[in-house]
């Protein structure tokens, strides 16, 4: 009698968890040797943005699809 109950609870648990999505970890950006790290001055503009270093313009928020937030002025 316990086996059908365990099988049913396992099936319910599996059906519940099939809709879960695990987001990949954010990449860690590091400045090249000799470049000082500058902390962000404002919060991340959205999901998927990472604090990154650009060789010409310096530090800023970068998104793999949308590019750099606010661009450079």
C-alpha atoms as a PDB file:
ATOM      1  CA  UNK A   1       0.000   0.000   0.000  1.00  0.00           C
ATOM      2  CA  UNK A   2       2.911   2.392   0.683  1.00  0.00           C
ATOM      3  CA  UNK A   3       4.442   1.904  -2.770  1.00  0.00           C
ATOM      4  CA  UNK A   4       1.502   3.465  -4.697  1.00  0.00           C
ATOM      5  CA  UNK A   5       1.473   6.439  -2.298  1.00  0.00           C
ATOM      6  CA  UNK A   6       5.225   7.006  -2.773  1.00  0.00           C
ATOM      7  CA  UNK A   7       4.919   6.616  -6.535  1.00  0.00           C
ATOM      8  CA  UNK A   8       2.041   9.078  -6.645  1.00  0.00           C
ATOM      9  CA  UNK A   9       3.872  11.657  -4.520  1.00  0.00           C
ATOM     10  CA  UNK A  10       7.006  11.266  -6.665  1.00  0.00           C
ATOM     11  CA  UNK A  11       4.931  11.774  -9.818  1.00  0.00           C
ATOM     12  CA  UNK A  12       3.277  14.889  -8.391  1.00  0.00           C
ATOM     13  CA  UNK A  13       6.659  16.284  -7.341  1.00  0.00           C
ATOM     14  CA  UNK A  14       8.151  15.596 -10.784  1.00  0.00           C
ATOM     15  CA  UNK A  15       5.195  17.240 -12.531  1.00  0.00           C
ATOM     16  CA  UNK A  16       5.462  20.274 -10.271  1.00  0.00           C
ATOM     17  CA  UNK A  17       9.166  20.782 -10.855  1.00  0.00           C
ATOM     18  CA  UNK A  18       9.079  20.423 -14.654  1.00  0.00           C
ATOM     19  CA  UNK A  19       8.240  24.114 -15.034  1.00  0.00           C
ATOM     20  CA  UNK A  20      11.233  25.311 -13.009  1.00  0.00           C
ATOM     21  CA  UNK A  21      13.928  27.207 -14.837  1.00  0.00           C
ATOM     22  CA  UNK A  22      17.410  27.588 -13.457  1.00  0.00           C
ATOM     23  CA  UNK A  23      19.141  30.734 -14.665  1.00  0.00           C
ATOM     24  CA  UNK A  24      22.832  30.442 -15.472  1.00  0.00           C
ATOM     25  CA  UNK A  25      25.259  32.192 -13.166  1.00  0.00           C
ATOM     26  CA  UNK A  26      26.320  35.687 -14.125  1.00  0.00           C
ATOM     27  CA  UNK A  27      29.765  35.814 -15.666  1.00  0.00           C
ATOM     28  CA  UNK A  28      32.407  37.410 -13.496  1.00  0.00           C
ATOM     29  CA  UNK A  29      34.205  40.235 -15.239  1.00  0.00           C
ATOM     30  CA  UNK A  30      37.669  41.202 -14.175  1.00  0.00           C
ATOM     31  CA  UNK A  31      39.733  44.116 -15.353  1.00  0.00           C
ATOM     32  CA  UNK A  32      42.967  43.399 -17.173  1.00  0.00           C
ATOM     33  CA  UNK A  33      46.192  43.700 -15.179  1.00  0.00           C
ATOM     34  CA  UNK A  34      46.998  47.277 -14.240  1.00  0.00           C
ATOM     35  CA  UNK A  35      43.388  48.550 -14.385  1.00  0.00           C
ATOM     36  CA  UNK A  36      41.770  49.705 -11.150  1.00  0.00           C
ATOM     37  CA  UNK A  37      38.324  48.350 -10.304  1.00  0.00           C
ATOM     38  CA  UNK A  38      35.628  51.033 -10.057  1.00  0.00           C
ATOM     39  CA  UNK A  39      32.448  50.126  -8.177  1.00  0.00           C
ATOM     40  CA  UNK A  40      29.031  50.850  -9.750  1.00  0.00           C
ATOM     41  CA  UNK A  41      27.527  54.233  -8.899  1.00  0.00           C
ATOM     42  CA  UNK A  42      23.922  53.068  -9.434  1.00  0.00           C
ATOM     43  CA  UNK A  43      22.007  49.781  -9.293  1.00  0.00           C
ATOM     44  CA  UNK A  44      21.846  47.355 -12.177  1.00  0.00           C
ATOM     45  CA  UNK A  45      19.423  48.615 -14.839  1.00  0.00           C
ATOM     46  CA  UNK A  46      17.772  45.211 -15.177  1.00  0.00           C
ATOM     47  CA  UNK A  47      18.062  41.462 -15.264  1.00  0.00           C
ATOM     48  CA  UNK A  48      21.013  40.178 -17.231  1.00  0.00           C
ATOM     49  CA  UNK A  49      23.253  43.237 -16.861  1.00  0.00           C
ATOM     50  CA  UNK A  50      26.734  42.694 -15.467  1.00  0.00           C
ATOM     51  CA  UNK A  51      29.291  45.235 -14.299  1.00  0.00           C
ATOM     52  CA  UNK A  52      32.020  45.014 -16.950  1.00  0.00           C
ATOM     53  CA  UNK A  53      35.123  46.777 -18.162  1.00  0.00           C
ATOM     54  CA  UNK A  54      35.394  48.248 -21.663  1.00  0.00           C
ATOM     55  CA  UNK A  55      38.967  48.820 -22.877  1.00  0.00           C
ATOM     56  CA  UNK A  56      38.228  52.280 -24.304  1.00  0.00           C
ATOM     57  CA  UNK A  57      35.497  53.697 -22.051  1.00  0.00           C
ATOM     58  CA  UNK A  58      36.027  52.049 -18.679  1.00  0.00           C
ATOM     59  CA  UNK A  59      33.495  50.433 -16.360  1.00  0.00           C
ATOM     60  CA  UNK A  60      29.756  50.196 -17.055  1.00  0.00           C
ATOM     61  CA  UNK A  61      26.684  47.957 -17.123  1.00  0.00           C
ATOM     62  CA  UNK A  62      26.746  45.507 -20.038  1.00  0.00           C
ATOM     63  CA  UNK A  63      24.057  43.153 -21.302  1.00  0.00           C
ATOM     64  CA  UNK A  64      24.882  40.351 -23.779  1.00  0.00           C
ATOM     65  CA  UNK A  65      21.904  41.261 -26.026  1.00  0.00           C
ATOM     66  CA  UNK A  66      21.278  44.969 -25.385  1.00  0.00           C
ATOM     67  CA  UNK A  67      24.852  46.208 -25.104  1.00  0.00           C
ATOM     68  CA  UNK A  68      25.989  48.936 -22.757  1.00  0.00           C
ATOM     69  CA  UNK A  69      23.492  50.784 -20.561  1.00  0.00           C
ATOM     70  CA  UNK A  70      23.299  54.543 -21.266  1.00  0.00           C
ATOM     71  CA  UNK A  71      26.242  54.209 -23.621  1.00  0.00           C
ATOM     72  CA  UNK A  72      29.102  56.590 -23.037  1.00  0.00           C
ATOM     73  CA  UNK A  73      28.833  60.333 -23.052  1.00  0.00           C
END
